[in-house]
Amino acid sequence: MIKLENNNYEIIENQNDCLNKEELESKYTDYFEPFDYILGDYSYNKLRLKGFCDKNNQRFSKINDISTKDNYLKERCAYHCNYFLIKKVKDKVVNK
């Protein structure tokens, strides 16, 4: 579990144990608040973040549909890049 600002996140995927909490905290902004998921990918040793939503999220659209994650990785990320996926968790207490 990870706490970012006022949100708790569960690690869903962490390819090659690439998630660096300090780097994630430095990139995280309130822009990601409404998203259910955050995908972080490493291209050329730089972390990029992308928000995704479940279908029941009012911000849901084709662009941020979590079911398109694999397609996003294939088409928008470096070939076989390391990535992680975290999911927002409600009602769980996490120590920072």
C-alpha atoms as a PDB file:
ATOM      1  CA  MET A   1       0.000   0.000   0.000  1.00  0.00           C
ATOM      2  CA  ILE A   2       1.084   3.530  -0.763  1.00  0.00           C
ATOM      3  CA  LYS A   3      -0.246   6.851   0.502  1.00  0.00           C
ATOM      4  CA  LEU A   4      -0.105   9.801  -1.901  1.00  0.00           C
ATOM      5  CA  GLU A   5      -1.391  13.044  -0.417  1.00  0.00           C
ATOM      6  CA  ASN A   6      -4.856  12.108   0.927  1.00  0.00           C
ATOM      7  CA  ASN A   7      -5.301   8.929  -1.102  1.00  0.00           C
ATOM      8  CA  ASN A   8      -4.368   5.335  -0.415  1.00  0.00           C
ATOM      9  CA  TYR A   9      -3.297   3.079  -3.278  1.00  0.00           C
ATOM     10  CA  GLU A  10      -2.835  -0.646  -3.644  1.00  0.00           C
ATOM     11  CA  ILE A  11      -0.083  -1.935  -5.930  1.00  0.00           C
ATOM     12  CA  ILE A  12      -1.758  -4.032  -8.631  1.00  0.00           C
ATOM     13  CA  GLU A  13       1.251  -4.577 -10.914  1.00  0.00           C
ATOM     14  CA  ASN A  14       4.935  -3.777 -10.444  1.00  0.00           C
ATOM     15  CA  GLN A  15       6.976  -5.133 -13.333  1.00  0.00           C
ATOM     16  CA  ASN A  16      10.552  -5.897 -12.288  1.00  0.00           C
ATOM     17  CA  ASP A  17       9.916  -4.168  -8.948  1.00  0.00           C
ATOM     18  CA  CYS A  18      10.299  -0.801 -10.697  1.00  0.00           C
ATOM     19  CA  LEU A  19       8.050   1.329  -8.466  1.00  0.00           C
ATOM     20  CA  ASN A  20      10.098   4.001  -6.728  1.00  0.00           C
ATOM     21  CA  LYS A  21       7.904   5.640  -4.079  1.00  0.00           C
ATOM     22  CA  GLU A  22       9.976   8.821  -3.791  1.00  0.00           C
ATOM     23  CA  GLU A  23       9.948   9.376  -7.546  1.00  0.00           C
ATOM     24  CA  LEU A  24       6.212   8.692  -7.681  1.00  0.00           C
ATOM     25  CA  GLU A  25       5.576  11.180  -4.864  1.00  0.00           C
ATOM     26  CA  SER A  26       7.572  13.844  -6.708  1.00  0.00           C
ATOM     27  CA  LYS A  27       5.493  13.385  -9.903  1.00  0.00           C
ATOM     28  CA  TYR A  28       2.078  12.993  -8.234  1.00  0.00           C
ATOM     29  CA  THR A  29      -0.185  16.069  -8.373  1.00  0.00           C
ATOM     30  CA  ASP A  30      -3.838  16.752  -7.605  1.00  0.00           C
ATOM     31  CA  TYR A  31      -4.516  16.160 -11.323  1.00  0.00           C
ATOM     32  CA  PHE A  32      -4.606  12.426 -10.509  1.00  0.00           C
ATOM     33  CA  GLU A  33      -7.204  12.773  -7.693  1.00  0.00           C
ATOM     34  CA  PRO A  34     -10.274  11.793  -9.783  1.00  0.00           C
ATOM     35  CA  PHE A  35      -8.667   8.717 -11.376  1.00  0.00           C
ATOM     36  CA  ASP A  36      -9.184   5.193 -10.017  1.00  0.00           C
ATOM     37  CA  TYR A  37      -5.805   3.955 -11.289  1.00  0.00           C
ATOM     38  CA  ILE A  38      -2.399   5.434 -11.991  1.00  0.00           C
ATOM     39  CA  LEU A  39      -0.052   3.725 -14.405  1.00  0.00           C
ATOM     40  CA  GLY A  40       3.617   4.675 -14.234  1.00  0.00           C
ATOM     41  CA  ASP A  41       5.922   3.689 -17.062  1.00  0.00           C
ATOM     42  CA  TYR A  42       9.640   4.194 -17.444  1.00  0.00           C
ATOM     43  CA  SER A  43      10.809   5.299 -20.863  1.00  0.00           C
ATOM     44  CA  TYR A  44      14.444   6.317 -21.252  1.00  0.00           C
ATOM     45  CA  ASN A  45      14.816   6.215 -17.443  1.00  0.00           C
ATOM     46  CA  LYS A  46      12.059   8.813 -16.957  1.00  0.00           C
ATOM     47  CA  LEU A  47       8.831   8.135 -15.099  1.00  0.00           C
ATOM     48  CA  ARG A  48       5.601   9.050 -16.885  1.00  0.00           C
ATOM     49  CA  LEU A  49       2.187   8.831 -15.207  1.00  0.00           C
ATOM     50  CA  LYS A  50      -1.230   8.205 -16.772  1.00  0.00           C
ATOM     51  CA  GLY A  51      -4.603   8.128 -15.025  1.00  0.00           C
ATOM     52  CA  PHE A  52      -7.245   5.502 -15.774  1.00  0.00           C
ATOM     53  CA  CYS A  53     -10.853   5.078 -14.629  1.00  0.00           C
ATOM     54  CA  ASP A  54     -13.384   2.341 -14.008  1.00  0.00           C
ATOM     55  CA  LYS A  55     -16.608   2.572 -16.000  1.00  0.00           C
ATOM     56  CA  ASN A  56     -18.582   3.822 -12.991  1.00  0.00           C
ATOM     57  CA  ASN A  57     -16.321   6.891 -12.554  1.00  0.00           C
ATOM     58  CA  GLN A  58     -17.948  10.122 -13.769  1.00  0.00           C
ATOM     59  CA  ARG A  59     -14.649  11.061 -15.475  1.00  0.00           C
ATOM     60  CA  PHE A  60     -14.677   7.827 -17.488  1.00  0.00           C
ATOM     61  CA  SER A  61     -13.981   8.156 -21.215  1.00  0.00           C
ATOM     62  CA  LYS A  62     -12.508   6.061 -23.994  1.00  0.00           C
ATOM     63  CA  ILE A  63      -9.130   7.695 -23.414  1.00  0.00           C
ATOM     64  CA  ASN A  64      -8.876   6.691 -19.740  1.00  0.00           C
ATOM     65  CA  ASP A  65     -10.734   3.347 -19.732  1.00  0.00           C
ATOM     66  CA  ILE A  66      -8.715   0.922 -17.577  1.00  0.00           C
ATOM     67  CA  SER A  67      -9.617  -1.911 -19.957  1.00  0.00           C
ATOM     68  CA  THR A  68      -7.386  -0.220 -22.573  1.00  0.00           C
ATOM     69  CA  LYS A  69      -4.277  -0.351 -20.338  1.00  0.00           C
ATOM     70  CA  ASP A  70      -2.565  -3.116 -22.325  1.00  0.00           C
ATOM     71  CA  ASN A  71      -3.181  -1.281 -25.585  1.00  0.00           C
ATOM     72  CA  TYR A  72      -1.782   1.924 -24.030  1.00  0.00           C
ATOM     73  CA  LEU A  73       1.374   0.071 -22.959  1.00  0.00           C
ATOM     74  CA  LYS A  74       1.788  -1.403 -26.425  1.00  0.00           C
ATOM     75  CA  GLU A  75       1.120   1.750 -28.443  1.00  0.00           C
ATOM     76  CA  ARG A  76       2.188   4.650 -26.218  1.00  0.00           C
ATOM     77  CA  CYS A  77       5.084   3.291 -24.167  1.00  0.00           C
ATOM     78  CA  ALA A  78       8.593   2.117 -24.936  1.00  0.00           C
ATOM     79  CA  TYR A  79       8.811  -1.502 -26.059  1.00  0.00           C
ATOM     80  CA  HIS A  80       8.862  -3.816 -23.009  1.00  0.00           C
ATOM     81  CA  CYS A  81       9.230  -0.894 -20.632  1.00  0.00           C
ATOM     82  CA  ASN A  82       8.996  -1.391 -16.899  1.00  0.00           C
ATOM     83  CA  TYR A  83       5.721  -0.168 -15.460  1.00  0.00           C
ATOM     84  CA  PHE A  84       3.532  -0.253 -12.387  1.00  0.00           C
ATOM     85  CA  LEU A  85      -0.193   0.084 -11.817  1.00  0.00           C
ATOM     86  CA  ILE A  86      -1.713   1.314  -8.574  1.00  0.00           C
ATOM     87  CA  LYS A  87      -5.398   1.437  -7.667  1.00  0.00           C
ATOM     88  CA  LYS A  88      -7.067   3.919  -5.334  1.00  0.00           C
ATOM     89  CA  VAL A  89      -8.393   2.220  -2.190  1.00  0.00           C
ATOM     90  CA  LYS A  90     -11.149   3.631  -0.055  1.00  0.00           C
ATOM     91  CA  ASP A  91     -11.641   3.178   3.689  1.00  0.00           C
ATOM     92  CA  LYS A  92      -8.263   1.653   4.487  1.00  0.00           C
ATOM     93  CA  VAL A  93      -5.711   3.276   6.752  1.00  0.00           C
ATOM     94  CA  VAL A  94      -2.151   3.342   5.435  1.00  0.00           C
ATOM     95  CA  ASN A  95       0.921   4.559   7.273  1.00  0.00           C
ATOM     96  CA  LYS A  96       3.189   6.741   5.197  1.00  0.00           C
END
